[in-house]
Amino acid sequence: MNAKERLDSYLAGSPVDRRPNLTIVGSVVTQYTGIGVDEYCKNARAMAESAARAAEDLKLDYIQIASDLAREAEGYGSKLSFSPEKLPTVTGYALDDITDVSSLHPLKAADIRRLYDLVDATAYAATLNDGIYPMTLAVGPATVAGNIRGVEDFLVDLYDEEEACGELLDIVTETTCDFIRELAAVGARYVYVADPVASLFSPAQYQTFVLPRQKTIFAEMERLGITSRLHMCGNTEAILPYSSTCGARIVDIDHAVSFEKALDAVQGRCLLNGNIDPVADVFSCDAAHTKNAILSVADSVGRTRAMFMPGCELPTKTPLANVRAIAEALTEIGG
């Protein structure tokens, strides 16, 4: 059973040899080609080649087409600093005042060079291994808005300037939907939305500001025949009853969330995926510890219908033997 067959079959509820491995390896893939993190973020072909090699060696069930979370914000005018050692940081935000949002208008994905690079990378990755799907990153509305305005300032703005915040979220949601249409045009079948800033919202704020925009994004994926996944790191336990209604087929949960409570919260509306600690259980331990951590989380929920992986992206220098241990554990768990 190849990765395409495994992923499609598991999501359809059909028998599989093991659970799909959707570990977010992040810039760990640079270990396979020796490129710097800055090149990983700027060179779409090198990123795709690194990710394809990582997927094969680590027995992932997708080729990760992703790097940083600031591509969209950069297109709207935020300034970034790149480094060969770490993911880029925002050094200047596009909006000094949320009320200046009227100066912005929705951009097309093709207007944002590094964003459209992911479209090209998705098409290229599909040629590198015909047995595994590319799965491409789209950044969620709260996180794009945070990278345009500044996360702390945007969280304050939610109380003081609700209308302007909603306008910014609508603008970036429109860009994300255009990006998804571009991905569909090159044959994308799987897309995941990372929206870590949304985990900082209260449940009421999430329902008001984020959920309607996420629903728009996932409805567009459904319309285009794309299988969707939502990733929000941190403690999302209070948000899960609502985020599980957003339309995403797969919802990731981080190590701060009880898997058992998460299953109760989502009530079968989506397939949960998580949730060992990416640092304590993968980065700063040995391979045996990593394997046992995956086995333990599976046992904790009676090996119910769910997927198991680190709850968030792995650090760049994570030992590859430890990442391979995730697939070993999934093989032992079986289908």
C-alpha atoms as a PDB file:
ATOM      1  CA  MET A   1       0.000   0.000   0.000  1.00  0.00           C
ATOM      2  CA  ASN A   2       1.568   3.304  -1.045  1.00  0.00           C
ATOM      3  CA  ALA A   3       1.055   6.630   0.700  1.00  0.00           C
ATOM      4  CA  LYS A   4      -1.715   7.792  -1.643  1.00  0.00           C
ATOM      5  CA  GLU A   5      -3.661   4.591  -1.141  1.00  0.00           C
ATOM      6  CA  ARG A   6      -3.111   4.656   2.618  1.00  0.00           C
ATOM      7  CA  LEU A   7      -4.240   8.261   3.069  1.00  0.00           C
ATOM      8  CA  ASP A   8      -7.254   8.000   0.763  1.00  0.00           C
ATOM      9  CA  SER A   9      -8.329   4.682   2.256  1.00  0.00           C
ATOM     10  CA  TYR A  10      -8.009   5.728   5.869  1.00  0.00           C
ATOM     11  CA  LEU A  11     -10.038   8.882   5.329  1.00  0.00           C
ATOM     12  CA  ALA A  12     -12.679   6.828   3.520  1.00  0.00           C
ATOM     13  CA  GLY A  13     -12.879   4.430   6.466  1.00  0.00           C
ATOM     14  CA  SER A  14     -11.413   1.536   4.482  1.00  0.00           C
ATOM     15  CA  PRO A  15      -8.798  -0.912   5.832  1.00  0.00           C
ATOM     16  CA  VAL A  16      -5.153   0.201   5.806  1.00  0.00           C
ATOM     17  CA  ASP A  17      -1.853  -1.395   6.800  1.00  0.00           C
ATOM     18  CA  ARG A  18      -1.105   1.422   9.267  1.00  0.00           C
ATOM     19  CA  ARG A  19      -2.342   4.880  10.242  1.00  0.00           C
ATOM     20  CA  PRO A  20      -1.155   7.661   7.911  1.00  0.00           C
ATOM     21  CA  ASN A  21       1.896   9.584   9.113  1.00  0.00           C
ATOM     22  CA  LEU A  22       1.207  13.318   8.789  1.00  0.00           C
ATOM     23  CA  THR A  23       4.026  14.523  11.048  1.00  0.00           C
ATOM     24  CA  ILE A  24       4.778  18.210  10.413  1.00  0.00           C
ATOM     25  CA  VAL A  25       8.505  17.896   9.863  1.00  0.00           C
ATOM     26  CA  GLY A  26       8.978  21.573   8.941  1.00  0.00           C
ATOM     27  CA  SER A  27      12.550  22.601   8.225  1.00  0.00           C
ATOM     28  CA  VAL A  28      13.836  19.169   9.297  1.00  0.00           C
ATOM     29  CA  VAL A  29      13.656  18.448   5.549  1.00  0.00           C
ATOM     30  CA  THR A  30      16.671  20.716   4.992  1.00  0.00           C
ATOM     31  CA  GLN A  31      18.828  17.965   6.521  1.00  0.00           C
ATOM     32  CA  TYR A  32      18.338  15.952   3.319  1.00  0.00           C
ATOM     33  CA  THR A  33      19.803  18.507   0.927  1.00  0.00           C
ATOM     34  CA  GLY A  34      21.958  20.674   3.185  1.00  0.00           C
ATOM     35  CA  ILE A  35      20.185  23.894   2.247  1.00  0.00           C
ATOM     36  CA  GLY A  36      19.793  26.714   4.746  1.00  0.00           C
ATOM     37  CA  VAL A  37      16.411  27.567   6.185  1.00  0.00           C
ATOM     38  CA  ASP A  38      16.478  30.811   4.190  1.00  0.00           C
ATOM     39  CA  GLU A  39      16.819  28.876   0.921  1.00  0.00           C
ATOM     40  CA  TYR A  40      14.126  26.474   2.088  1.00  0.00           C
ATOM     41  CA  CYS A  41      11.829  29.499   2.363  1.00  0.00           C
ATOM     42  CA  LYS A  42      12.884  31.147  -0.908  1.00  0.00           C
ATOM     43  CA  ASN A  43      13.677  28.322  -3.345  1.00  0.00           C
ATOM     44  CA  ALA A  44      10.501  26.401  -4.167  1.00  0.00           C
ATOM     45  CA  ARG A  45      12.182  23.601  -6.105  1.00  0.00           C
ATOM     46  CA  ALA A  46      14.820  23.000  -3.420  1.00  0.00           C
ATOM     47  CA  MET A  47      12.071  22.945  -0.787  1.00  0.00           C
ATOM     48  CA  ALA A  48      10.023  20.406  -2.759  1.00  0.00           C
ATOM     49  CA  GLU A  49      13.053  18.195  -3.437  1.00  0.00           C
ATOM     50  CA  SER A  50      14.028  18.260   0.242  1.00  0.00           C
ATOM     51  CA  ALA A  51      10.494  17.430   1.282  1.00  0.00           C
ATOM     52  CA  ALA A  52      10.171  14.567  -1.200  1.00  0.00           C
ATOM     53  CA  ARG A  53      13.391  12.975   0.038  1.00  0.00           C
ATOM     54  CA  ALA A  54      12.282  13.406   3.647  1.00  0.00           C
ATOM     55  CA  ALA A  55       8.879  11.859   2.937  1.00  0.00           C
ATOM     56  CA  GLU A  56      10.472   8.761   1.454  1.00  0.00           C
ATOM     57  CA  ASP A  57      13.065   8.267   4.190  1.00  0.00           C
ATOM     58  CA  LEU A  58      10.804   9.114   7.132  1.00  0.00           C
ATOM     59  CA  LYS A  59       7.839   7.177   5.728  1.00  0.00           C
ATOM     60  CA  LEU A  60       5.556  10.211   5.738  1.00  0.00           C
ATOM     61  CA  ASP A  61       2.283   9.940   3.881  1.00  0.00           C
ATOM     62  CA  TYR A  62       2.531  13.348   2.263  1.00  0.00           C
ATOM     63  CA  ILE A  63       5.147  15.599   0.708  1.00  0.00           C
ATOM     64  CA  GLN A  64       5.132  18.730   2.848  1.00  0.00           C
ATOM     65  CA  ILE A  65       4.916  21.871   0.703  1.00  0.00           C
ATOM     66  CA  ALA A  66       5.410  24.566   3.303  1.00  0.00           C
ATOM     67  CA  SER A  67       7.979  26.658   5.086  1.00  0.00           C
ATOM     68  CA  ASP A  68       7.090  29.781   7.046  1.00  0.00           C
ATOM     69  CA  LEU A  69       3.786  31.411   7.999  1.00  0.00           C
ATOM     70  CA  ALA A  70       4.540  34.905   6.673  1.00  0.00           C
ATOM     71  CA  ARG A  71       4.311  34.565   2.885  1.00  0.00           C
ATOM     72  CA  GLU A  72       0.891  36.196   2.659  1.00  0.00           C
ATOM     73  CA  ALA A  73       1.767  38.961   5.136  1.00  0.00           C
ATOM     74  CA  GLU A  74       4.923  39.723   3.191  1.00  0.00           C
ATOM     75  CA  GLY A  75       2.778  40.223   0.106  1.00  0.00           C
ATOM     76  CA  TYR A  76       0.704  42.777   2.010  1.00  0.00           C
ATOM     77  CA  GLY A  77       3.800  44.747   2.990  1.00  0.00           C
ATOM     78  CA  SER A  78       5.202  43.236   6.188  1.00  0.00           C
ATOM     79  CA  LYS A  79       9.015  43.081   6.225  1.00  0.00           C
ATOM     80  CA  LEU A  80      10.891  39.852   6.988  1.00  0.00           C
ATOM     81  CA  SER A  81      14.374  38.918   8.104  1.00  0.00           C
ATOM     82  CA  PHE A  82      15.713  35.616   6.729  1.00  0.00           C
ATOM     83  CA  SER A  83      18.377  33.406   8.284  1.00  0.00           C
ATOM     84  CA  PRO A  84      20.017  30.117   7.257  1.00  0.00           C
ATOM     85  CA  GLU A  85      19.503  28.866  10.831  1.00  0.00           C
ATOM     86  CA  LYS A  86      15.856  29.612  11.575  1.00  0.00           C
ATOM     87  CA  LEU A  87      12.505  30.528  10.065  1.00  0.00           C
ATOM     88  CA  PRO A  88      12.042  34.180   9.076  1.00  0.00           C
ATOM     89  CA  THR A  89      10.843  36.741  11.563  1.00  0.00           C
ATOM     90  CA  VAL A  90       8.664  39.772  10.895  1.00  0.00           C
ATOM     91  CA  THR A  91      10.722  42.930  11.427  1.00  0.00           C
ATOM     92  CA  GLY A  92       8.078  45.435  10.346  1.00  0.00           C
ATOM     93  CA  TYR A  93       4.311  45.108  10.143  1.00  0.00           C
ATOM     94  CA  ALA A  94       2.287  46.335   7.178  1.00  0.00           C
ATOM     95  CA  LEU A  95      -0.287  48.058   9.425  1.00  0.00           C
ATOM     96  CA  ASP A  96       0.796  50.463  12.162  1.00  0.00           C
ATOM     97  CA  ASP A  97      -2.851  51.109  12.980  1.00  0.00           C
ATOM     98  CA  ILE A  98      -5.728  48.704  12.362  1.00  0.00           C
ATOM     99  CA  THR A  99      -7.887  51.589  11.128  1.00  0.00           C
ATOM    100  CA  ASP A 100      -5.528  51.866   8.142  1.00  0.00           C
ATOM    101  CA  VAL A 101      -6.955  48.566   6.867  1.00  0.00           C
ATOM    102  CA  SER A 102      -8.982  50.580   4.342  1.00  0.00           C
ATOM    103  CA  SER A 103      -5.710  51.104   2.463  1.00  0.00           C
ATOM    104  CA  LEU A 104      -5.520  47.370   1.725  1.00  0.00           C
ATOM    105  CA  HIS A 105      -7.395  45.356  -0.858  1.00  0.00           C
ATOM    106  CA  PRO A 106      -7.512  41.593  -1.431  1.00  0.00           C
ATOM    107  CA  LEU A 107      -4.532  40.320  -3.392  1.00  0.00           C
ATOM    108  CA  LYS A 108      -4.450  37.400  -5.770  1.00  0.00           C
ATOM    109  CA  ALA A 109      -2.050  34.583  -4.949  1.00  0.00           C
ATOM    110  CA  ALA A 110      -0.232  35.346  -8.202  1.00  0.00           C
ATOM    111  CA  ASP A 111       0.431  38.875  -6.884  1.00  0.00           C
ATOM    112  CA  ILE A 112       2.517  37.450  -4.009  1.00  0.00           C
ATOM    113  CA  ARG A 113       5.675  35.859  -5.387  1.00  0.00           C
ATOM    114  CA  ARG A 114       6.584  33.624  -2.458  1.00  0.00           C
ATOM    115  CA  LEU A 115       2.966  32.524  -2.031  1.00  0.00           C
ATOM    116  CA  TYR A 116       2.661  31.538  -5.665  1.00  0.00           C
ATOM    117  CA  ASP A 117       5.966  29.649  -5.267  1.00  0.00           C
ATOM    118  CA  LEU A 118       3.945  27.095  -3.273  1.00  0.00           C
ATOM    119  CA  VAL A 119       1.683  26.552  -6.292  1.00  0.00           C
ATOM    120  CA  ASP A 120       4.734  25.842  -8.444  1.00  0.00           C
ATOM    121  CA  ALA A 121       6.231  23.641  -5.724  1.00  0.00           C
ATOM    122  CA  THR A 122       2.999  21.634  -5.456  1.00  0.00           C
ATOM    123  CA  ALA A 123       2.980  20.938  -9.178  1.00  0.00           C
ATOM    124  CA  TYR A 124       6.689  20.039  -9.128  1.00  0.00           C
ATOM    125  CA  ALA A 125       6.394  17.772  -6.086  1.00  0.00           C
ATOM    126  CA  ALA A 126       3.713  15.741  -7.835  1.00  0.00           C
ATOM    127  CA  THR A 127       6.319  14.789 -10.446  1.00  0.00           C
ATOM    128  CA  LEU A 128       8.894  13.645  -7.891  1.00  0.00           C
ATOM    129  CA  ASN A 129       7.014  10.671  -6.466  1.00  0.00           C
ATOM    130  CA  ASP A 130       3.779   9.451  -8.007  1.00  0.00           C
ATOM    131  CA  GLY A 131       2.954   7.349  -4.944  1.00  0.00           C
ATOM    132  CA  ILE A 132       2.520  10.219  -2.496  1.00  0.00           C
ATOM    133  CA  TYR A 133       0.430  13.378  -2.529  1.00  0.00           C
ATOM    134  CA  PRO A 134       1.849  16.835  -1.927  1.00  0.00           C
ATOM    135  CA  MET A 135       0.035  18.514   0.956  1.00  0.00           C
ATOM    136  CA  THR A 136       0.387  22.269   0.782  1.00  0.00           C
ATOM    137  CA  LEU A 137       0.274  24.833   3.568  1.00  0.00           C
ATOM    138  CA  ALA A 138      -2.224  27.679   3.516  1.00  0.00           C
ATOM    139  CA  VAL A 139      -1.980  30.069   6.461  1.00  0.00           C
ATOM    140  CA  GLY A 140      -5.181  30.742   8.367  1.00  0.00           C
ATOM    141  CA  PRO A 141      -6.820  34.173   8.625  1.00  0.00           C
ATOM    142  CA  ALA A 142      -5.960  34.965  12.256  1.00  0.00           C
ATOM    143  CA  THR A 143      -2.282  34.207  11.678  1.00  0.00           C
ATOM    144  CA  VAL A 144      -2.036  36.187   8.448  1.00  0.00           C
ATOM    145  CA  ALA A 145      -3.754  39.122  10.143  1.00  0.00           C
ATOM    146  CA  GLY A 146      -1.365  38.826  13.100  1.00  0.00           C
ATOM    147  CA  ASN A 147       1.620  38.937  10.757  1.00  0.00           C
ATOM    148  CA  ILE A 148       0.223  42.030   9.036  1.00  0.00           C
ATOM    149  CA  ARG A 149      -0.687  43.977  12.171  1.00  0.00           C
ATOM    150  CA  GLY A 150       1.391  42.302  14.911  1.00  0.00           C
ATOM    151  CA  VAL A 151      -0.150  39.557  17.018  1.00  0.00           C
ATOM    152  CA  GLU A 152      -0.315  41.433  20.332  1.00  0.00           C
ATOM    153  CA  ASP A 153      -1.681  44.594  18.750  1.00  0.00           C
ATOM    154  CA  PHE A 154      -4.241  42.618  16.765  1.00  0.00           C
ATOM    155  CA  LEU A 155      -5.476  40.865  19.901  1.00  0.00           C
ATOM    156  CA  VAL A 156      -6.006  44.272  21.527  1.00  0.00           C
ATOM    157  CA  ASP A 157      -7.699  45.566  18.373  1.00  0.00           C
ATOM    158  CA  LEU A 158     -10.291  42.805  18.686  1.00  0.00           C
ATOM    159  CA  TYR A 159     -11.719  44.697  21.665  1.00  0.00           C
ATOM    160  CA  ASP A 160     -11.324  48.237  20.350  1.00  0.00           C
ATOM    161  CA  GLU A 161     -11.848  47.993  16.590  1.00  0.00           C
ATOM    162  CA  GLU A 162     -14.023  44.982  15.843  1.00  0.00           C
ATOM    163  CA  GLU A 163     -15.161  46.214  12.437  1.00  0.00           C
ATOM    164  CA  ALA A 164     -11.636  46.945  11.208  1.00  0.00           C
ATOM    165  CA  CYS A 165     -10.429  43.558  12.458  1.00  0.00           C
ATOM    166  CA  GLY A 166     -13.232  41.850  10.597  1.00  0.00           C
ATOM    167  CA  GLU A 167     -12.345  43.763   7.450  1.00  0.00           C
ATOM    168  CA  LEU A 168      -8.715  42.632   7.644  1.00  0.00           C
ATOM    169  CA  LEU A 169      -9.764  39.028   8.218  1.00  0.00           C
ATOM    170  CA  ASP A 170     -12.101  39.165   5.215  1.00  0.00           C
ATOM    171  CA  ILE A 171      -9.336  40.569   3.001  1.00  0.00           C
ATOM    172  CA  VAL A 172      -6.850  37.842   3.841  1.00  0.00           C
ATOM    173  CA  THR A 173      -9.508  35.128   3.631  1.00  0.00           C
ATOM    174  CA  GLU A 174     -10.191  36.170   0.061  1.00  0.00           C
ATOM    175  CA  THR A 175      -6.494  35.813  -0.774  1.00  0.00           C
ATOM    176  CA  THR A 176      -6.399  32.362   0.817  1.00  0.00           C
ATOM    177  CA  CYS A 177      -9.393  31.223  -1.207  1.00  0.00           C
ATOM    178  CA  ASP A 178      -7.737  32.463  -4.399  1.00  0.00           C
ATOM    179  CA  PHE A 179      -4.590  30.542  -3.413  1.00  0.00           C
ATOM    180  CA  ILE A 180      -6.649  27.381  -2.946  1.00  0.00           C
ATOM    181  CA  ARG A 181      -8.159  27.812  -6.405  1.00  0.00           C
ATOM    182  CA  GLU A 182      -4.655  28.105  -7.859  1.00  0.00           C
ATOM    183  CA  LEU A 183      -3.638  24.922  -6.042  1.00  0.00           C
ATOM    184  CA  ALA A 184      -6.679  23.090  -7.346  1.00  0.00           C
ATOM    185  CA  ALA A 185      -5.751  24.172 -10.866  1.00  0.00           C
ATOM    186  CA  VAL A 186      -2.429  22.304 -10.620  1.00  0.00           C
ATOM    187  CA  GLY A 187      -4.076  19.184  -9.218  1.00  0.00           C
ATOM    188  CA  ALA A 188      -3.744  19.605  -5.449  1.00  0.00           C
ATOM    189  CA  ARG A 189      -5.768  17.027  -3.550  1.00  0.00           C
ATOM    190  CA  TYR A 190      -4.745  17.841   0.040  1.00  0.00           C
ATOM    191  CA  VAL A 191      -4.223  21.220   1.736  1.00  0.00           C
ATOM    192  CA  TYR A 192      -3.641  22.034   5.381  1.00  0.00           C
ATOM    193  CA  VAL A 193      -4.401  25.335   7.056  1.00  0.00           C
ATOM    194  CA  ALA A 194      -2.124  26.430   9.901  1.00  0.00           C
ATOM    195  CA  ASP A 195      -3.688  29.074  12.122  1.00  0.00           C
ATOM    196  CA  PRO A 196      -1.727  29.085  15.397  1.00  0.00           C
ATOM    197  CA  VAL A 197      -2.709  32.654  16.313  1.00  0.00           C
ATOM    198  CA  ALA A 198      -6.353  31.543  16.460  1.00  0.00           C
ATOM    199  CA  SER A 199      -5.502  29.412  19.498  1.00  0.00           C
ATOM    200  CA  LEU A 200      -4.910  32.669  21.418  1.00  0.00           C
ATOM    201  CA  PHE A 201      -8.529  33.755  20.919  1.00  0.00           C
ATOM    202  CA  SER A 202     -11.181  33.141  23.537  1.00  0.00           C
ATOM    203  CA  PRO A 203     -13.921  30.722  22.465  1.00  0.00           C
ATOM    204  CA  ALA A 204     -16.285  33.663  21.950  1.00  0.00           C
ATOM    205  CA  GLN A 205     -13.729  35.562  19.858  1.00  0.00           C
ATOM    206  CA  TYR A 206     -12.950  32.451  17.864  1.00  0.00           C
ATOM    207  CA  GLN A 207     -16.642  31.951  17.045  1.00  0.00           C
ATOM    208  CA  THR A 208     -17.073  35.603  16.078  1.00  0.00           C
ATOM    209  CA  PHE A 209     -13.897  36.387  14.179  1.00  0.00           C
ATOM    210  CA  VAL A 210     -12.213  33.176  13.030  1.00  0.00           C
ATOM    211  CA  LEU A 211     -14.739  30.379  12.596  1.00  0.00           C
ATOM    212  CA  PRO A 212     -16.807  32.071   9.845  1.00  0.00           C
ATOM    213  CA  ARG A 213     -13.620  32.754   7.812  1.00  0.00           C
ATOM    214  CA  GLN A 214     -12.262  29.246   8.333  1.00  0.00           C
ATOM    215  CA  LYS A 215     -15.623  27.863   7.224  1.00  0.00           C
ATOM    216  CA  THR A 216     -15.358  29.920   4.027  1.00  0.00           C
ATOM    217  CA  ILE A 217     -11.892  28.532   3.329  1.00  0.00           C
ATOM    218  CA  PHE A 218     -12.808  24.907   3.983  1.00  0.00           C
ATOM    219  CA  ALA A 219     -16.036  25.209   2.003  1.00  0.00           C
ATOM    220  CA  GLU A 220     -13.969  26.361  -0.967  1.00  0.00           C
ATOM    221  CA  MET A 221     -11.720  23.309  -0.579  1.00  0.00           C
ATOM    222  CA  GLU A 222     -14.753  21.033  -0.437  1.00  0.00           C
ATOM    223  CA  ARG A 223     -16.160  22.636  -3.579  1.00  0.00           C
ATOM    224  CA  LEU A 224     -12.883  21.994  -5.392  1.00  0.00           C
ATOM    225  CA  GLY A 225     -12.502  18.398  -4.215  1.00  0.00           C
ATOM    226  CA  ILE A 226      -9.581  19.126  -1.884  1.00  0.00           C
ATOM    227  CA  THR A 227      -9.310  17.230   1.400  1.00  0.00           C
ATOM    228  CA  SER A 228      -8.690  19.677   4.230  1.00  0.00           C
ATOM    229  CA  ARG A 229      -6.748  19.709   7.473  1.00  0.00           C
ATOM    230  CA  LEU A 230      -6.644  22.335  10.255  1.00  0.00           C
ATOM    231  CA  HIS A 231      -3.604  22.865  12.453  1.00  0.00           C
ATOM    232  CA  MET A 232      -3.797  25.127  15.498  1.00  0.00           C
ATOM    233  CA  CYS A 233      -1.063  24.580  18.058  1.00  0.00           C
ATOM    234  CA  GLY A 234      -1.249  25.260  21.775  1.00  0.00           C
ATOM    235  CA  ASN A 235      -4.115  24.469  24.124  1.00  0.00           C
ATOM    236  CA  THR A 236      -7.181  24.487  21.889  1.00  0.00           C
ATOM    237  CA  GLU A 237      -9.351  22.376  24.190  1.00  0.00           C
ATOM    238  CA  ALA A 238     -11.914  25.141  24.769  1.00  0.00           C
ATOM    239  CA  ILE A 239     -12.075  25.932  21.053  1.00  0.00           C
ATOM    240  CA  LEU A 240     -12.384  22.353  19.752  1.00  0.00           C
ATOM    241  CA  PRO A 241     -16.188  22.136  20.051  1.00  0.00           C
ATOM    242  CA  TYR A 242     -16.309  24.999  17.526  1.00  0.00           C
ATOM    243  CA  SER A 243     -13.212  24.400  15.374  1.00  0.00           C
ATOM    244  CA  SER A 244     -14.425  20.856  14.745  1.00  0.00           C
ATOM    245  CA  THR A 245     -17.403  22.371  12.894  1.00  0.00           C
ATOM    246  CA  CYS A 246     -15.248  24.413  10.491  1.00  0.00           C
ATOM    247  CA  GLY A 247     -15.409  21.794   7.734  1.00  0.00           C
ATOM    248  CA  ALA A 248     -11.873  20.441   7.963  1.00  0.00           C
ATOM    249  CA  ARG A 249     -11.711  16.664   7.585  1.00  0.00           C
ATOM    250  CA  ILE A 250      -8.625  16.404   9.819  1.00  0.00           C
ATOM    251  CA  VAL A 251      -7.955  18.537  12.904  1.00  0.00           C
ATOM    252  CA  ASP A 252      -4.557  18.452  14.614  1.00  0.00           C
ATOM    253  CA  ILE A 253      -4.223  18.721  18.380  1.00  0.00           C
ATOM    254  CA  ASP A 254      -1.096  19.734  20.275  1.00  0.00           C
ATOM    255  CA  HIS A 255       0.424  18.059  23.342  1.00  0.00           C
ATOM    256  CA  ALA A 256      -1.267  20.587  25.660  1.00  0.00           C
ATOM    257  CA  VAL A 257      -4.638  19.039  24.779  1.00  0.00           C
ATOM    258  CA  SER A 258      -5.941  15.813  26.310  1.00  0.00           C
ATOM    259  CA  PHE A 259      -6.595  13.416  23.422  1.00  0.00           C
ATOM    260  CA  GLU A 260      -9.398  11.768  25.344  1.00  0.00           C
ATOM    261  CA  LYS A 261     -11.128  15.090  26.052  1.00  0.00           C
ATOM    262  CA  ALA A 262     -10.571  16.177  22.462  1.00  0.00           C
ATOM    263  CA  LEU A 263     -12.381  13.100  21.168  1.00  0.00           C
ATOM    264  CA  ASP A 264     -15.320  13.948  23.426  1.00  0.00           C
ATOM    265  CA  ALA A 265     -15.305  17.567  22.260  1.00  0.00           C
ATOM    266  CA  VAL A 266     -15.392  16.884  18.520  1.00  0.00           C
ATOM    267  CA  GLN A 267     -18.038  14.151  18.670  1.00  0.00           C
ATOM    268  CA  GLY A 268     -16.874  12.488  15.479  1.00  0.00           C
ATOM    269  CA  ARG A 269     -17.202  15.620  13.347  1.00  0.00           C
ATOM    270  CA  CYS A 270     -13.576  15.329  12.192  1.00  0.00           C
ATOM    271  CA  LEU A 271     -10.603  13.007  12.425  1.00  0.00           C
ATOM    272  CA  LEU A 272      -8.160  13.987  15.180  1.00  0.00           C
ATOM    273  CA  ASN A 273      -4.396  13.887  14.665  1.00  0.00           C
ATOM    274  CA  GLY A 274      -1.791  14.327  17.408  1.00  0.00           C
ATOM    275  CA  ASN A 275      -0.386  14.805  20.004  1.00  0.00           C
ATOM    276  CA  ILE A 276       3.015  14.026  21.531  1.00  0.00           C
ATOM    277  CA  ASP A 277       5.363  16.862  22.528  1.00  0.00           C
ATOM    278  CA  PRO A 278       7.587  17.783  19.534  1.00  0.00           C
ATOM    279  CA  VAL A 279      10.424  18.865  21.829  1.00  0.00           C
ATOM    280  CA  ALA A 280      10.360  16.574  24.865  1.00  0.00           C
ATOM    281  CA  ASP A 281       9.167  13.511  22.945  1.00  0.00           C
ATOM    282  CA  VAL A 282      11.046  13.913  19.653  1.00  0.00           C
ATOM    283  CA  PHE A 283      13.778  16.569  19.651  1.00  0.00           C
ATOM    284  CA  SER A 284      15.483  16.138  23.011  1.00  0.00           C
ATOM    285  CA  CYS A 285      15.266  12.388  23.612  1.00  0.00           C
ATOM    286  CA  ASP A 286      16.235   9.126  21.934  1.00  0.00           C
ATOM    287  CA  ALA A 287      14.355   7.144  19.306  1.00  0.00           C
ATOM    288  CA  ALA A 288      13.060   4.604  21.787  1.00  0.00           C
ATOM    289  CA  HIS A 289      11.403   7.380  23.795  1.00  0.00           C
ATOM    290  CA  THR A 290       9.747   8.775  20.663  1.00  0.00           C
ATOM    291  CA  LYS A 291       8.382   5.384  19.638  1.00  0.00           C
ATOM    292  CA  ASN A 292       7.021   4.738  23.130  1.00  0.00           C
ATOM    293  CA  ALA A 293       5.406   8.196  23.240  1.00  0.00           C
ATOM    294  CA  ILE A 294       3.446   7.460  20.068  1.00  0.00           C
ATOM    295  CA  LEU A 295       2.460   4.007  21.327  1.00  0.00           C
ATOM    296  CA  SER A 296       1.376   5.495  24.647  1.00  0.00           C
ATOM    297  CA  VAL A 297      -0.869   8.146  23.161  1.00  0.00           C
ATOM    298  CA  ALA A 298      -2.495   5.520  20.947  1.00  0.00           C
ATOM    299  CA  ASP A 299      -3.054   3.272  23.953  1.00  0.00           C
ATOM    300  CA  SER A 300      -4.478   6.179  25.968  1.00  0.00           C
ATOM    301  CA  VAL A 301      -7.452   6.409  23.612  1.00  0.00           C
ATOM    302  CA  GLY A 302      -7.848   2.683  23.083  1.00  0.00           C
ATOM    303  CA  ARG A 303      -6.303   2.962  19.625  1.00  0.00           C
ATOM    304  CA  THR A 304      -9.556   4.491  18.461  1.00  0.00           C
ATOM    305  CA  ARG A 305      -9.998   5.870  14.946  1.00  0.00           C
ATOM    306  CA  ALA A 306      -7.471   8.713  14.992  1.00  0.00           C
ATOM    307  CA  MET A 307      -3.966   9.527  13.791  1.00  0.00           C
ATOM    308  CA  PHE A 308      -0.876   9.987  15.914  1.00  0.00           C
ATOM    309  CA  MET A 309       2.060  12.364  15.492  1.00  0.00           C
ATOM    310  CA  PRO A 310       3.850  15.247  17.272  1.00  0.00           C
ATOM    311  CA  GLY A 311       1.356  17.978  18.098  1.00  0.00           C
ATOM    312  CA  CYS A 312       3.304  20.713  16.317  1.00  0.00           C
ATOM    313  CA  GLU A 313       6.181  21.329  13.912  1.00  0.00           C
ATOM    314  CA  LEU A 314       9.527  19.743  14.727  1.00  0.00           C
ATOM    315  CA  PRO A 315      12.679  21.815  15.360  1.00  0.00           C
ATOM    316  CA  THR A 316      15.117  21.994  12.440  1.00  0.00           C
ATOM    317  CA  LYS A 317      17.837  19.853  14.015  1.00  0.00           C
ATOM    318  CA  THR A 318      15.567  17.075  15.272  1.00  0.00           C
ATOM    319  CA  PRO A 319      17.471  13.743  15.035  1.00  0.00           C
ATOM    320  CA  LEU A 320      16.229  11.825  11.999  1.00  0.00           C
ATOM    321  CA  ALA A 321      16.316   8.525  13.878  1.00  0.00           C
ATOM    322  CA  ASN A 322      13.713   9.921  16.253  1.00  0.00           C
ATOM    323  CA  VAL A 323      11.448  10.986  13.398  1.00  0.00           C
ATOM    324  CA  ARG A 324      11.793   7.541  11.810  1.00  0.00           C
ATOM    325  CA  ALA A 325      10.638   6.071  15.117  1.00  0.00           C
ATOM    326  CA  ILE A 326       7.217   7.668  14.582  1.00  0.00           C
ATOM    327  CA  ALA A 327       6.640   5.525  11.499  1.00  0.00           C
ATOM    328  CA  GLU A 328       7.922   2.477  13.379  1.00  0.00           C
ATOM    329  CA  ALA A 329       5.338   3.058  16.086  1.00  0.00           C
ATOM    330  CA  LEU A 330       2.551   3.564  13.544  1.00  0.00           C
ATOM    331  CA  THR A 331       3.502   0.295  11.874  1.00  0.00           C
ATOM    332  CA  GLU A 332       3.242  -1.483  15.221  1.00  0.00           C
ATOM    333  CA  ILE A 333      -0.134   0.138  15.930  1.00  0.00           C
ATOM    334  CA  GLY A 334      -1.387  -0.916  12.497  1.00  0.00           C
ATOM    335  CA  GLY A 335      -4.595   0.096  10.797  1.00  0.00           C
END
